[in-house]
Amino acid sequence: MKTYLTKLLRHEELSSDETRQILLDITEEKYPSEQIASLLAMLQLRGVSIDELLGLRQALMETGVPVDLSPYKPIDIVGTGGDGKNTFNISTCSCFVVAGAGYKVAKHGNYAATSVSGASTVMQQHGVVFKSDRDSLLRSIEESNMVYLHAQLFAKAMKFVGPVRKAVQFPTVFNLLGPMINPCRPAYQLLGVANLEQMRLYVNALNRLGIRYAVVNSLDGYDEISLTSEFKIATPDYEHLYRPEDLGFKTVSQSSLYGGDTAEKAAKIFDDVLENKATPAQKQAVVANSAAAIKVMEPQKSFEECVSIALESVESGKALGCFRKFLEINR
């Protein structure tokens, strides 16, 4: 580790092979926590490079539990979190809207770090039991079009850095890795980021990984399409800045997307959207993100067509039907 720390003190970047080896060594408990904390602090102060990020990702994937869902070509819909907006579970709700539209979804998620309700939180609010055995996962995606992959069951190396991450009390490179380590290696991804700097980082990383993707950011700091401001979408083919009105939506207030101060309140909004009982702002935010996900998989379709598909999934009850079937399988 001394060699790596010395390079960072000299403002040099580490190679992907070096960061991969660092994490493999951490899982073998070769370094004291003080050295790991120093490494994380220096990377955070300077900003992680693409190679450094991808090397850590490679080690996490190598030491994790793999899930082969490649025949289904699923999409993952995920946000980086940490935007401080405390919205209800827009990305997770969008997963069931997309599933209701007939697409396969493999959602990788965890408990929230900064908000009241993360993806795993809202799942547990509905009695979901997290599973990692192949038969359960295959049944879920085949019968409900949706499978949930709780990060702590799959990313085994994370437990070795957990105590240090908790002790340093600042965001680290591992906060950036969550959206990149879905164990099924999805064919498609809709990734929400909290700022344009993160957008550039993920676009470069996802281009290297060869995933069909869209990275989205609302310019007022949401890690999803919030419809509270203009939003940017970056894909392998284009980058475009949209106004909500460009897609037939109205600009909504930030307060209209607030998830509440308890996990129970956030889960109630989640249910309201799928039951088509939500406020227009709540419903439209989910539909907008669902449409963006559908467009990743169906790039030949117009955004307006994708919005219509997502709306139909909600209003016909298909999204709710997928959710109920998912709960039947996963409780």
C-alpha atoms as a PDB file:
ATOM      1  CA  MET A   1       0.000   0.000   0.000  1.00  0.00           C
ATOM      2  CA  LYS A   2       2.894   2.380   0.688  1.00  0.00           C
ATOM      3  CA  THR A   3       3.744   2.401  -3.022  1.00  0.00           C
ATOM      4  CA  TYR A   4       0.192   3.277  -3.994  1.00  0.00           C
ATOM      5  CA  LEU A   5      -0.110   6.026  -1.387  1.00  0.00           C
ATOM      6  CA  THR A   6       3.210   7.514  -2.474  1.00  0.00           C
ATOM      7  CA  LYS A   7       1.989   7.690  -6.078  1.00  0.00           C
ATOM      8  CA  LEU A   8      -1.167   9.466  -4.981  1.00  0.00           C
ATOM      9  CA  LEU A   9       0.859  11.944  -2.892  1.00  0.00           C
ATOM     10  CA  ARG A  10       2.787  12.729  -6.077  1.00  0.00           C
ATOM     11  CA  HIS A  11      -0.542  13.447  -7.813  1.00  0.00           C
ATOM     12  CA  GLU A  12      -0.136  10.399 -10.034  1.00  0.00           C
ATOM     13  CA  GLU A  13      -3.064   8.243 -11.135  1.00  0.00           C
ATOM     14  CA  LEU A  14      -3.239   4.550 -10.371  1.00  0.00           C
ATOM     15  CA  SER A  15      -3.845   2.051 -13.146  1.00  0.00           C
ATOM     16  CA  SER A  16      -6.947  -0.136 -13.264  1.00  0.00           C
ATOM     17  CA  ASP A  17      -4.730  -3.133 -12.472  1.00  0.00           C
ATOM     18  CA  GLU A  18      -3.429  -1.370  -9.370  1.00  0.00           C
ATOM     19  CA  THR A  19      -6.841  -0.439  -7.972  1.00  0.00           C
ATOM     20  CA  ARG A  20      -8.136  -3.913  -8.776  1.00  0.00           C
ATOM     21  CA  GLN A  21      -5.248  -5.420  -6.802  1.00  0.00           C
ATOM     22  CA  ILE A  22      -5.762  -2.981  -3.917  1.00  0.00           C
ATOM     23  CA  LEU A  23      -9.342  -4.133  -3.448  1.00  0.00           C
ATOM     24  CA  LEU A  24      -8.419  -7.800  -3.769  1.00  0.00           C
ATOM     25  CA  ASP A  25      -5.774  -7.228  -1.072  1.00  0.00           C
ATOM     26  CA  ILE A  26      -8.321  -5.443   1.114  1.00  0.00           C
ATOM     27  CA  THR A  27     -10.579  -8.506   0.965  1.00  0.00           C
ATOM     28  CA  GLU A  28      -7.635 -10.551   2.222  1.00  0.00           C
ATOM     29  CA  GLU A  29      -7.231  -8.033   5.073  1.00  0.00           C
ATOM     30  CA  LYS A  30      -3.668  -7.143   4.116  1.00  0.00           C
ATOM     31  CA  TYR A  31      -3.931  -3.451   5.038  1.00  0.00           C
ATOM     32  CA  PRO A  32      -4.704  -1.651   8.308  1.00  0.00           C
ATOM     33  CA  SER A  33      -7.782   0.540   8.328  1.00  0.00           C
ATOM     34  CA  GLU A  34      -5.662   3.698   8.601  1.00  0.00           C
ATOM     35  CA  GLN A  35      -4.065   3.011   5.218  1.00  0.00           C
ATOM     36  CA  ILE A  36      -7.428   2.278   3.598  1.00  0.00           C
ATOM     37  CA  ALA A  37      -8.810   5.535   5.015  1.00  0.00           C
ATOM     38  CA  SER A  38      -5.814   7.444   3.635  1.00  0.00           C
ATOM     39  CA  LEU A  39      -6.336   5.913   0.208  1.00  0.00           C
ATOM     40  CA  LEU A  40     -10.033   6.819   0.173  1.00  0.00           C
ATOM     41  CA  ALA A  41      -9.344  10.370   1.342  1.00  0.00           C
ATOM     42  CA  MET A  42      -6.728  11.029  -1.333  1.00  0.00           C
ATOM     43  CA  LEU A  43      -8.907   9.635  -4.102  1.00  0.00           C
ATOM     44  CA  GLN A  44     -11.809  11.753  -2.889  1.00  0.00           C
ATOM     45  CA  LEU A  45      -9.763  14.946  -2.701  1.00  0.00           C
ATOM     46  CA  ARG A  46      -8.286  14.528  -6.174  1.00  0.00           C
ATOM     47  CA  GLY A  47     -11.259  12.887  -7.861  1.00  0.00           C
ATOM     48  CA  VAL A  48     -11.204   9.318  -9.119  1.00  0.00           C
ATOM     49  CA  SER A  49     -10.095   8.553 -12.680  1.00  0.00           C
ATOM     50  CA  ILE A  50     -11.933   6.247 -15.066  1.00  0.00           C
ATOM     51  CA  ASP A  51      -9.186   3.620 -14.837  1.00  0.00           C
ATOM     52  CA  GLU A  52      -9.174   3.730 -11.047  1.00  0.00           C
ATOM     53  CA  LEU A  53     -12.936   3.374 -10.936  1.00  0.00           C
ATOM     54  CA  LEU A  54     -13.034   0.501 -13.408  1.00  0.00           C
ATOM     55  CA  GLY A  55     -10.259  -1.366 -11.599  1.00  0.00           C
ATOM     56  CA  LEU A  56     -12.198  -1.267  -8.340  1.00  0.00           C
ATOM     57  CA  ARG A  57     -15.339  -2.322 -10.184  1.00  0.00           C
ATOM     58  CA  GLN A  58     -13.525  -5.291 -11.708  1.00  0.00           C
ATOM     59  CA  ALA A  59     -12.410  -6.501  -8.292  1.00  0.00           C
ATOM     60  CA  LEU A  60     -15.921  -6.119  -6.880  1.00  0.00           C
ATOM     61  CA  MET A  61     -17.351  -8.148  -9.743  1.00  0.00           C
ATOM     62  CA  GLU A  62     -14.674 -10.846  -9.402  1.00  0.00           C
ATOM     63  CA  THR A  63     -15.276 -11.279  -5.675  1.00  0.00           C
ATOM     64  CA  GLY A  64     -19.055 -10.987  -5.884  1.00  0.00           C
ATOM     65  CA  VAL A  65     -21.808 -13.515  -6.499  1.00  0.00           C
ATOM     66  CA  PRO A  66     -22.603 -13.645 -10.243  1.00  0.00           C
ATOM     67  CA  VAL A  67     -26.130 -13.903 -11.619  1.00  0.00           C
ATOM     68  CA  ASP A  68     -26.645 -14.963 -15.229  1.00  0.00           C
ATOM     69  CA  LEU A  69     -29.731 -13.266 -16.637  1.00  0.00           C
ATOM     70  CA  SER A  70     -28.232 -12.622 -20.062  1.00  0.00           C
ATOM     71  CA  PRO A  71     -30.975 -14.478 -22.013  1.00  0.00           C
ATOM     72  CA  TYR A  72     -33.488 -11.889 -20.739  1.00  0.00           C
ATOM     73  CA  LYS A  73     -31.426  -8.807 -21.699  1.00  0.00           C
ATOM     74  CA  PRO A  74     -32.733  -6.871 -18.682  1.00  0.00           C
ATOM     75  CA  ILE A  75     -32.486  -3.198 -17.845  1.00  0.00           C
ATOM     76  CA  ASP A  76     -31.448  -1.735 -14.501  1.00  0.00           C
ATOM     77  CA  ILE A  77     -32.961   1.587 -13.409  1.00  0.00           C
ATOM     78  CA  VAL A  78     -30.888   3.160 -10.675  1.00  0.00           C
ATOM     79  CA  GLY A  79     -29.822   6.472  -9.178  1.00  0.00           C
ATOM     80  CA  THR A  80     -26.549   7.282  -7.492  1.00  0.00           C
ATOM     81  CA  GLY A  81     -28.368   8.670  -4.471  1.00  0.00           C
ATOM     82  CA  GLY A  82     -26.883  11.372  -2.304  1.00  0.00           C
ATOM     83  CA  ASP A  83     -28.757  14.214  -3.998  1.00  0.00           C
ATOM     84  CA  GLY A  84     -30.253  15.265  -0.672  1.00  0.00           C
ATOM     85  CA  LYS A  85     -33.759  15.634  -2.146  1.00  0.00           C
ATOM     86  CA  ASN A  86     -35.449  12.829  -0.185  1.00  0.00           C
ATOM     87  CA  THR A  87     -37.889  11.951  -2.951  1.00  0.00           C
ATOM     88  CA  PHE A  88     -40.102   8.901  -2.895  1.00  0.00           C
ATOM     89  CA  ASN A  89     -38.730   5.796  -4.656  1.00  0.00           C
ATOM     90  CA  ILE A  90     -39.059   7.035  -8.234  1.00  0.00           C
ATOM     91  CA  SER A  91     -36.507   4.678  -9.837  1.00  0.00           C
ATOM     92  CA  THR A  92     -37.836   1.570  -8.099  1.00  0.00           C
ATOM     93  CA  CYS A  93     -41.415   2.460  -8.976  1.00  0.00           C
ATOM     94  CA  SER A  94     -40.347   2.985 -12.604  1.00  0.00           C
ATOM     95  CA  CYS A  95     -39.013  -0.573 -12.645  1.00  0.00           C
ATOM     96  CA  PHE A  96     -42.530  -1.970 -12.247  1.00  0.00           C
ATOM     97  CA  VAL A  97     -43.941   0.403 -14.850  1.00  0.00           C
ATOM     98  CA  VAL A  98     -41.337  -0.814 -17.334  1.00  0.00           C
ATOM     99  CA  ALA A  99     -42.000  -4.427 -16.312  1.00  0.00           C
ATOM    100  CA  GLY A 100     -45.720  -3.819 -16.810  1.00  0.00           C
ATOM    101  CA  ALA A 101     -44.952  -2.641 -20.333  1.00  0.00           C
ATOM    102  CA  GLY A 102     -43.483  -6.065 -21.072  1.00  0.00           C
ATOM    103  CA  TYR A 103     -39.760  -5.503 -20.577  1.00  0.00           C
ATOM    104  CA  LYS A 104     -37.430  -7.463 -18.294  1.00  0.00           C
ATOM    105  CA  VAL A 105     -35.986  -5.524 -15.366  1.00  0.00           C
ATOM    106  CA  ALA A 106     -33.155  -6.500 -12.995  1.00  0.00           C
ATOM    107  CA  LYS A 107     -33.043  -3.868 -10.277  1.00  0.00           C
ATOM    108  CA  HIS A 108     -29.865  -3.696  -8.186  1.00  0.00           C
ATOM    109  CA  GLY A 109     -30.337  -1.721  -4.991  1.00  0.00           C
ATOM    110  CA  ASN A 110     -29.570  -1.167  -1.346  1.00  0.00           C
ATOM    111  CA  TYR A 111     -30.689   0.773   1.693  1.00  0.00           C
ATOM    112  CA  ALA A 112     -30.489   4.559   1.420  1.00  0.00           C
ATOM    113  CA  ALA A 113     -27.432   6.372   2.688  1.00  0.00           C
ATOM    114  CA  THR A 114     -28.976   9.836   2.937  1.00  0.00           C
ATOM    115  CA  SER A 115     -32.732   9.576   2.331  1.00  0.00           C
ATOM    116  CA  VAL A 116     -35.515   7.960   4.335  1.00  0.00           C
ATOM    117  CA  SER A 117     -36.270   5.189   1.852  1.00  0.00           C
ATOM    118  CA  GLY A 118     -33.835   3.390  -0.452  1.00  0.00           C
ATOM    119  CA  ALA A 119     -34.833   0.663  -2.879  1.00  0.00           C
ATOM    120  CA  SER A 120     -34.262  -2.102  -0.338  1.00  0.00           C
ATOM    121  CA  THR A 121     -36.219  -0.096   2.244  1.00  0.00           C
ATOM    122  CA  VAL A 122     -39.364   0.146   0.127  1.00  0.00           C
ATOM    123  CA  MET A 123     -39.051  -3.538  -0.755  1.00  0.00           C
ATOM    124  CA  GLN A 124     -38.934  -4.478   2.919  1.00  0.00           C
ATOM    125  CA  GLN A 125     -41.891  -2.201   3.626  1.00  0.00           C
ATOM    126  CA  HIS A 126     -43.857  -4.562   1.366  1.00  0.00           C
ATOM    127  CA  GLY A 127     -42.570  -7.732   3.009  1.00  0.00           C
ATOM    128  CA  VAL A 128     -40.068  -8.674   0.292  1.00  0.00           C
ATOM    129  CA  VAL A 129     -37.521 -11.299   1.354  1.00  0.00           C
ATOM    130  CA  PHE A 130     -34.189 -10.737  -0.369  1.00  0.00           C
ATOM    131  CA  LYS A 131     -32.954 -13.799  -2.247  1.00  0.00           C
ATOM    132  CA  SER A 132     -29.860 -14.819  -4.160  1.00  0.00           C
ATOM    133  CA  ASP A 133     -30.578 -18.402  -5.199  1.00  0.00           C
ATOM    134  CA  ARG A 134     -30.831 -18.895  -8.943  1.00  0.00           C
ATOM    135  CA  ASP A 135     -34.226 -20.597  -9.022  1.00  0.00           C
ATOM    136  CA  SER A 136     -35.947 -17.781  -7.108  1.00  0.00           C
ATOM    137  CA  LEU A 137     -34.352 -15.089  -9.249  1.00  0.00           C
ATOM    138  CA  LEU A 138     -35.280 -16.813 -12.504  1.00  0.00           C
ATOM    139  CA  ARG A 139     -38.854 -17.394 -11.392  1.00  0.00           C
ATOM    140  CA  SER A 140     -39.198 -13.740 -10.433  1.00  0.00           C
ATOM    141  CA  ILE A 141     -37.991 -12.315 -13.742  1.00  0.00           C
ATOM    142  CA  GLU A 142     -39.895 -14.887 -15.798  1.00  0.00           C
ATOM    143  CA  GLU A 143     -43.248 -14.544 -14.033  1.00  0.00           C
ATOM    144  CA  SER A 144     -43.277 -10.861 -13.021  1.00  0.00           C
ATOM    145  CA  ASN A 145     -40.746  -9.393 -15.502  1.00  0.00           C
ATOM    146  CA  MET A 146     -38.866  -8.000 -12.481  1.00  0.00           C
ATOM    147  CA  VAL A 147     -36.118  -9.304 -10.220  1.00  0.00           C
ATOM    148  CA  TYR A 148     -34.598  -7.465  -7.266  1.00  0.00           C
ATOM    149  CA  LEU A 149     -30.927  -7.952  -6.428  1.00  0.00           C
ATOM    150  CA  HIS A 150     -30.172  -6.696  -2.918  1.00  0.00           C
ATOM    151  CA  ALA A 151     -26.588  -5.443  -3.081  1.00  0.00           C
ATOM    152  CA  GLN A 152     -25.466  -6.848   0.259  1.00  0.00           C
ATOM    153  CA  LEU A 153     -26.129 -10.417  -0.897  1.00  0.00           C
ATOM    154  CA  PHE A 154     -23.950 -10.077  -3.973  1.00  0.00           C
ATOM    155  CA  ALA A 155     -21.109  -7.540  -3.505  1.00  0.00           C
ATOM    156  CA  LYS A 156     -19.162  -9.523  -0.931  1.00  0.00           C
ATOM    157  CA  ALA A 157     -16.090  -7.259  -0.947  1.00  0.00           C
ATOM    158  CA  MET A 158     -18.094  -4.278   0.309  1.00  0.00           C
ATOM    159  CA  LYS A 159     -18.157  -5.657   3.851  1.00  0.00           C
ATOM    160  CA  PHE A 160     -14.367  -5.306   4.055  1.00  0.00           C
ATOM    161  CA  VAL A 161     -14.493  -1.555   3.432  1.00  0.00           C
ATOM    162  CA  GLY A 162     -17.751  -0.930   5.287  1.00  0.00           C
ATOM    163  CA  PRO A 163     -16.249  -0.079   8.701  1.00  0.00           C
ATOM    164  CA  VAL A 164     -13.754   2.373   7.181  1.00  0.00           C
ATOM    165  CA  ARG A 165     -16.426   4.038   5.046  1.00  0.00           C
ATOM    166  CA  LYS A 166     -18.571   4.481   8.126  1.00  0.00           C
ATOM    167  CA  ALA A 167     -15.680   5.818  10.189  1.00  0.00           C
ATOM    168  CA  VAL A 168     -14.467   8.467   7.739  1.00  0.00           C
ATOM    169  CA  GLN A 169     -17.952   9.966   7.406  1.00  0.00           C
ATOM    170  CA  PHE A 170     -17.458  11.432   3.925  1.00  0.00           C
ATOM    171  CA  PRO A 171     -18.490  10.116   0.500  1.00  0.00           C
ATOM    172  CA  THR A 172     -15.899   7.869  -1.109  1.00  0.00           C
ATOM    173  CA  VAL A 173     -15.297   6.222  -4.461  1.00  0.00           C
ATOM    174  CA  PHE A 174     -17.447   3.321  -3.261  1.00  0.00           C
ATOM    175  CA  ASN A 175     -20.501   5.568  -3.401  1.00  0.00           C
ATOM    176  CA  LEU A 176     -19.877   5.818  -7.144  1.00  0.00           C
ATOM    177  CA  LEU A 177     -19.489   2.077  -7.624  1.00  0.00           C
ATOM    178  CA  GLY A 178     -22.963   0.976  -6.524  1.00  0.00           C
ATOM    179  CA  PRO A 179     -24.681   1.662  -9.868  1.00  0.00           C
ATOM    180  CA  MET A 180     -21.899  -0.148 -11.754  1.00  0.00           C
ATOM    181  CA  ILE A 181     -21.849  -3.491  -9.968  1.00  0.00           C
ATOM    182  CA  ASN A 182     -25.195  -5.068 -10.777  1.00  0.00           C
ATOM    183  CA  PRO A 183     -24.217  -8.766 -10.528  1.00  0.00           C
ATOM    184  CA  CYS A 184     -26.210  -9.754 -13.618  1.00  0.00           C
ATOM    185  CA  ARG A 185     -24.294  -7.299 -15.833  1.00  0.00           C
ATOM    186  CA  PRO A 186     -27.489  -5.939 -17.419  1.00  0.00           C
ATOM    187  CA  ALA A 187     -27.676  -5.298 -21.139  1.00  0.00           C
ATOM    188  CA  TYR A 188     -29.235  -1.876 -20.540  1.00  0.00           C
ATOM    189  CA  GLN A 189     -29.129   0.766 -17.830  1.00  0.00           C
ATOM    190  CA  LEU A 190     -30.891   3.999 -16.982  1.00  0.00           C
ATOM    191  CA  LEU A 191     -28.626   5.767 -14.511  1.00  0.00           C
ATOM    192  CA  GLY A 192     -29.572   8.929 -12.655  1.00  0.00           C
ATOM    193  CA  VAL A 193     -26.795  11.200 -11.365  1.00  0.00           C
ATOM    194  CA  ALA A 194     -26.886  14.245  -9.114  1.00  0.00           C
ATOM    195  CA  ASN A 195     -24.638  16.548 -11.174  1.00  0.00           C
ATOM    196  CA  LEU A 196     -23.016  16.949 -14.579  1.00  0.00           C
ATOM    197  CA  GLU A 197     -19.547  16.043 -13.278  1.00  0.00           C
ATOM    198  CA  GLN A 198     -20.871  12.605 -12.313  1.00  0.00           C
ATOM    199  CA  MET A 199     -22.575  12.377 -15.699  1.00  0.00           C
ATOM    200  CA  ARG A 200     -19.257  12.764 -17.521  1.00  0.00           C
ATOM    201  CA  LEU A 201     -17.602  10.163 -15.307  1.00  0.00           C
ATOM    202  CA  TYR A 202     -20.312   7.540 -15.824  1.00  0.00           C
ATOM    203  CA  VAL A 203     -20.657   8.188 -19.547  1.00  0.00           C
ATOM    204  CA  ASN A 204     -16.946   7.525 -19.991  1.00  0.00           C
ATOM    205  CA  ALA A 205     -17.083   4.427 -17.775  1.00  0.00           C
ATOM    206  CA  LEU A 206     -20.202   2.947 -19.404  1.00  0.00           C
ATOM    207  CA  ASN A 207     -18.771   3.555 -22.860  1.00  0.00           C
ATOM    208  CA  ARG A 208     -15.767   1.453 -21.847  1.00  0.00           C
ATOM    209  CA  LEU A 209     -18.043  -1.297 -20.498  1.00  0.00           C
ATOM    210  CA  GLY A 210     -20.125  -1.488 -23.670  1.00  0.00           C
ATOM    211  CA  ILE A 211     -23.541  -1.174 -21.989  1.00  0.00           C
ATOM    212  CA  ARG A 212     -26.451   0.475 -23.796  1.00  0.00           C
ATOM    213  CA  TYR A 213     -27.327   3.284 -21.423  1.00  0.00           C
ATOM    214  CA  ALA A 214     -28.873   6.641 -20.740  1.00  0.00           C
ATOM    215  CA  VAL A 215     -27.462   8.819 -17.966  1.00  0.00           C
ATOM    216  CA  VAL A 216     -29.919  11.439 -16.723  1.00  0.00           C
ATOM    217  CA  ASN A 217     -29.638  14.490 -14.491  1.00  0.00           C
ATOM    218  CA  SER A 218     -32.086  17.216 -13.568  1.00  0.00           C
ATOM    219  CA  LEU A 219     -30.170  20.476 -13.544  1.00  0.00           C
ATOM    220  CA  ASP A 220     -31.483  21.456 -10.119  1.00  0.00           C
ATOM    221  CA  GLY A 221     -29.671  18.494  -8.598  1.00  0.00           C
ATOM    222  CA  TYR A 222     -31.972  15.475  -8.775  1.00  0.00           C
ATOM    223  CA  ASP A 223     -30.481  12.082  -9.675  1.00  0.00           C
ATOM    224  CA  GLU A 224     -33.451  11.297 -11.924  1.00  0.00           C
ATOM    225  CA  ILE A 225     -35.840  13.050 -14.270  1.00  0.00           C
ATOM    226  CA  SER A 226     -37.730  15.025 -11.663  1.00  0.00           C
ATOM    227  CA  LEU A 227     -39.594  17.427 -13.993  1.00  0.00           C
ATOM    228  CA  THR A 228     -38.737  20.180 -11.499  1.00  0.00           C
ATOM    229  CA  SER A 229     -36.332  21.776 -14.006  1.00  0.00           C
ATOM    230  CA  GLU A 230     -34.620  21.175 -17.309  1.00  0.00           C
ATOM    231  CA  PHE A 231     -32.920  17.798 -17.480  1.00  0.00           C
ATOM    232  CA  LYS A 232     -30.095  16.349 -19.519  1.00  0.00           C
ATOM    233  CA  ILE A 233     -29.923  12.893 -21.060  1.00  0.00           C
ATOM    234  CA  ALA A 234     -26.653  11.411 -22.328  1.00  0.00           C
ATOM    235  CA  THR A 235     -26.529   8.172 -24.337  1.00  0.00           C
ATOM    236  CA  PRO A 236     -23.879   6.513 -26.529  1.00  0.00           C
ATOM    237  CA  ASP A 237     -25.488   8.299 -29.493  1.00  0.00           C
ATOM    238  CA  TYR A 238     -26.430  11.768 -28.272  1.00  0.00           C
ATOM    239  CA  GLU A 239     -26.678  14.283 -25.453  1.00  0.00           C
ATOM    240  CA  HIS A 240     -29.741  16.490 -25.210  1.00  0.00           C
ATOM    241  CA  LEU A 241     -31.194  19.040 -22.824  1.00  0.00           C
ATOM    242  CA  TYR A 242     -34.958  18.816 -22.388  1.00  0.00           C
ATOM    243  CA  ARG A 243     -37.612  20.939 -20.741  1.00  0.00           C
ATOM    244  CA  PRO A 244     -40.510  19.034 -19.154  1.00  0.00           C
ATOM    245  CA  GLU A 245     -42.801  20.723 -21.682  1.00  0.00           C
ATOM    246  CA  ASP A 246     -40.835  19.184 -24.559  1.00  0.00           C
ATOM    247  CA  LEU A 247     -42.308  15.802 -23.615  1.00  0.00           C
ATOM    248  CA  GLY A 248     -45.793  16.976 -22.774  1.00  0.00           C
ATOM    249  CA  PHE A 249     -45.243  17.379 -19.034  1.00  0.00           C
ATOM    250  CA  LYS A 250     -45.645  20.342 -16.736  1.00  0.00           C
ATOM    251  CA  THR A 251     -42.834  21.624 -14.551  1.00  0.00           C
ATOM    252  CA  VAL A 252     -43.575  20.529 -10.981  1.00  0.00           C
ATOM    253  CA  SER A 253     -42.508  21.803  -7.575  1.00  0.00           C
ATOM    254  CA  GLN A 254     -39.786  20.106  -5.576  1.00  0.00           C
ATOM    255  CA  SER A 255     -42.151  19.692  -2.636  1.00  0.00           C
ATOM    256  CA  SER A 256     -44.513  17.608  -4.799  1.00  0.00           C
ATOM    257  CA  LEU A 257     -41.929  14.812  -5.003  1.00  0.00           C
ATOM    258  CA  TYR A 258     -41.039  14.728  -1.319  1.00  0.00           C
ATOM    259  CA  GLY A 259     -41.098  11.201   0.019  1.00  0.00           C
ATOM    260  CA  GLY A 260     -42.077  12.107   3.562  1.00  0.00           C
ATOM    261  CA  ASP A 261     -40.252  11.720   6.845  1.00  0.00           C
ATOM    262  CA  THR A 262     -40.822   7.991   7.266  1.00  0.00           C
ATOM    263  CA  ALA A 263     -40.355   4.872   5.145  1.00  0.00           C
ATOM    264  CA  GLU A 264     -44.074   4.169   5.558  1.00  0.00           C
ATOM    265  CA  LYS A 265     -45.020   7.468   3.922  1.00  0.00           C
ATOM    266  CA  ALA A 266     -42.638   6.850   1.010  1.00  0.00           C
ATOM    267  CA  ALA A 267     -44.105   3.369   0.521  1.00  0.00           C
ATOM    268  CA  LYS A 268     -47.627   4.833   0.452  1.00  0.00           C
ATOM    269  CA  ILE A 269     -46.684   7.158  -2.417  1.00  0.00           C
ATOM    270  CA  PHE A 270     -45.062   4.205  -4.209  1.00  0.00           C
ATOM    271  CA  ASP A 271     -48.336   2.279  -3.917  1.00  0.00           C
ATOM    272  CA  ASP A 272     -50.399   5.259  -5.019  1.00  0.00           C
ATOM    273  CA  VAL A 273     -48.431   5.573  -8.253  1.00  0.00           C
ATOM    274  CA  LEU A 274     -48.834   1.901  -9.163  1.00  0.00           C
ATOM    275  CA  GLU A 275     -52.534   2.024  -8.231  1.00  0.00           C
ATOM    276  CA  ASN A 276     -52.942   5.124 -10.428  1.00  0.00           C
ATOM    277  CA  LYS A 277     -54.028   7.169  -7.415  1.00  0.00           C
ATOM    278  CA  ALA A 278     -50.975   9.426  -7.139  1.00  0.00           C
ATOM    279  CA  THR A 279     -50.822  13.163  -7.679  1.00  0.00           C
ATOM    280  CA  PRO A 280     -50.094  14.286 -11.255  1.00  0.00           C
ATOM    281  CA  ALA A 281     -46.544  15.297 -10.292  1.00  0.00           C
ATOM    282  CA  GLN A 282     -45.764  11.935  -8.665  1.00  0.00           C
ATOM    283  CA  LYS A 283     -47.223   9.983 -11.571  1.00  0.00           C
ATOM    284  CA  GLN A 284     -45.532  12.056 -14.257  1.00  0.00           C
ATOM    285  CA  ALA A 285     -42.084  11.777 -12.640  1.00  0.00           C
ATOM    286  CA  VAL A 286     -42.352   7.985 -12.663  1.00  0.00           C
ATOM    287  CA  VAL A 287     -43.712   7.929 -16.216  1.00  0.00           C
ATOM    288  CA  ALA A 288     -40.901  10.203 -17.451  1.00  0.00           C
ATOM    289  CA  ASN A 289     -38.197   7.946 -16.011  1.00  0.00           C
ATOM    290  CA  SER A 290     -39.966   4.827 -17.241  1.00  0.00           C
ATOM    291  CA  ALA A 291     -40.161   6.326 -20.732  1.00  0.00           C
ATOM    292  CA  ALA A 292     -36.444   7.125 -20.666  1.00  0.00           C
ATOM    293  CA  ALA A 293     -35.723   3.505 -19.716  1.00  0.00           C
ATOM    294  CA  ILE A 294     -37.914   2.170 -22.509  1.00  0.00           C
ATOM    295  CA  LYS A 295     -36.143   4.414 -24.995  1.00  0.00           C
ATOM    296  CA  VAL A 296     -32.777   2.924 -23.972  1.00  0.00           C
ATOM    297  CA  MET A 297     -34.083  -0.469 -25.088  1.00  0.00           C
ATOM    298  CA  GLU A 298     -36.093   0.859 -28.033  1.00  0.00           C
ATOM    299  CA  PRO A 299     -33.970   3.696 -29.445  1.00  0.00           C
ATOM    300  CA  GLN A 300     -35.931   3.688 -32.704  1.00  0.00           C
ATOM    301  CA  LYS A 301     -39.042   4.842 -30.840  1.00  0.00           C
ATOM    302  CA  SER A 302     -39.673   8.521 -30.203  1.00  0.00           C
ATOM    303  CA  PHE A 303     -39.660   9.762 -26.637  1.00  0.00           C
ATOM    304  CA  GLU A 304     -43.366  10.540 -27.039  1.00  0.00           C
ATOM    305  CA  GLU A 305     -44.083   6.914 -27.983  1.00  0.00           C
ATOM    306  CA  CYS A 306     -42.175   5.725 -24.934  1.00  0.00           C
ATOM    307  CA  VAL A 307     -44.179   8.075 -22.713  1.00  0.00           C
ATOM    308  CA  SER A 308     -47.409   6.602 -24.129  1.00  0.00           C
ATOM    309  CA  ILE A 309     -46.190   3.051 -23.429  1.00  0.00           C
ATOM    310  CA  ALA A 310     -45.313   3.948 -19.836  1.00  0.00           C
ATOM    311  CA  LEU A 311     -48.619   5.731 -19.265  1.00  0.00           C
ATOM    312  CA  GLU A 312     -50.535   2.749 -20.570  1.00  0.00           C
ATOM    313  CA  SER A 313     -48.653   0.451 -18.190  1.00  0.00           C
ATOM    314  CA  VAL A 314     -49.820   2.534 -15.221  1.00  0.00           C
ATOM    315  CA  GLU A 315     -53.342   3.354 -16.353  1.00  0.00           C
ATOM    316  CA  SER A 316     -54.197  -0.175 -17.541  1.00  0.00           C
ATOM    317  CA  GLY A 317     -53.122  -1.724 -14.234  1.00  0.00           C
ATOM    318  CA  LYS A 318     -50.325  -3.756 -15.849  1.00  0.00           C
ATOM    319  CA  ALA A 319     -47.654  -2.158 -13.678  1.00  0.00           C
ATOM    320  CA  LEU A 320     -49.664  -2.946 -10.544  1.00  0.00           C
ATOM    321  CA  GLY A 321     -50.218  -6.501 -11.782  1.00  0.00           C
ATOM    322  CA  CYS A 322     -46.465  -7.015 -12.180  1.00  0.00           C
ATOM    323  CA  PHE A 323     -45.864  -5.633  -8.708  1.00  0.00           C
ATOM    324  CA  ARG A 324     -48.453  -7.910  -7.124  1.00  0.00           C
ATOM    325  CA  LYS A 325     -47.021 -10.944  -8.910  1.00  0.00           C
ATOM    326  CA  PHE A 326     -43.527  -9.921  -7.798  1.00  0.00           C
ATOM    327  CA  LEU A 327     -44.699  -9.739  -4.177  1.00  0.00           C
ATOM    328  CA  GLU A 328     -46.390 -13.124  -4.458  1.00  0.00           C
ATOM    329  CA  ILE A 329     -43.089 -14.680  -5.568  1.00  0.00           C
ATOM    330  CA  ASN A 330     -40.725 -12.783  -3.261  1.00  0.00           C
ATOM    331  CA  ARG A 331     -42.441 -12.744   0.108  1.00  0.00           C
END
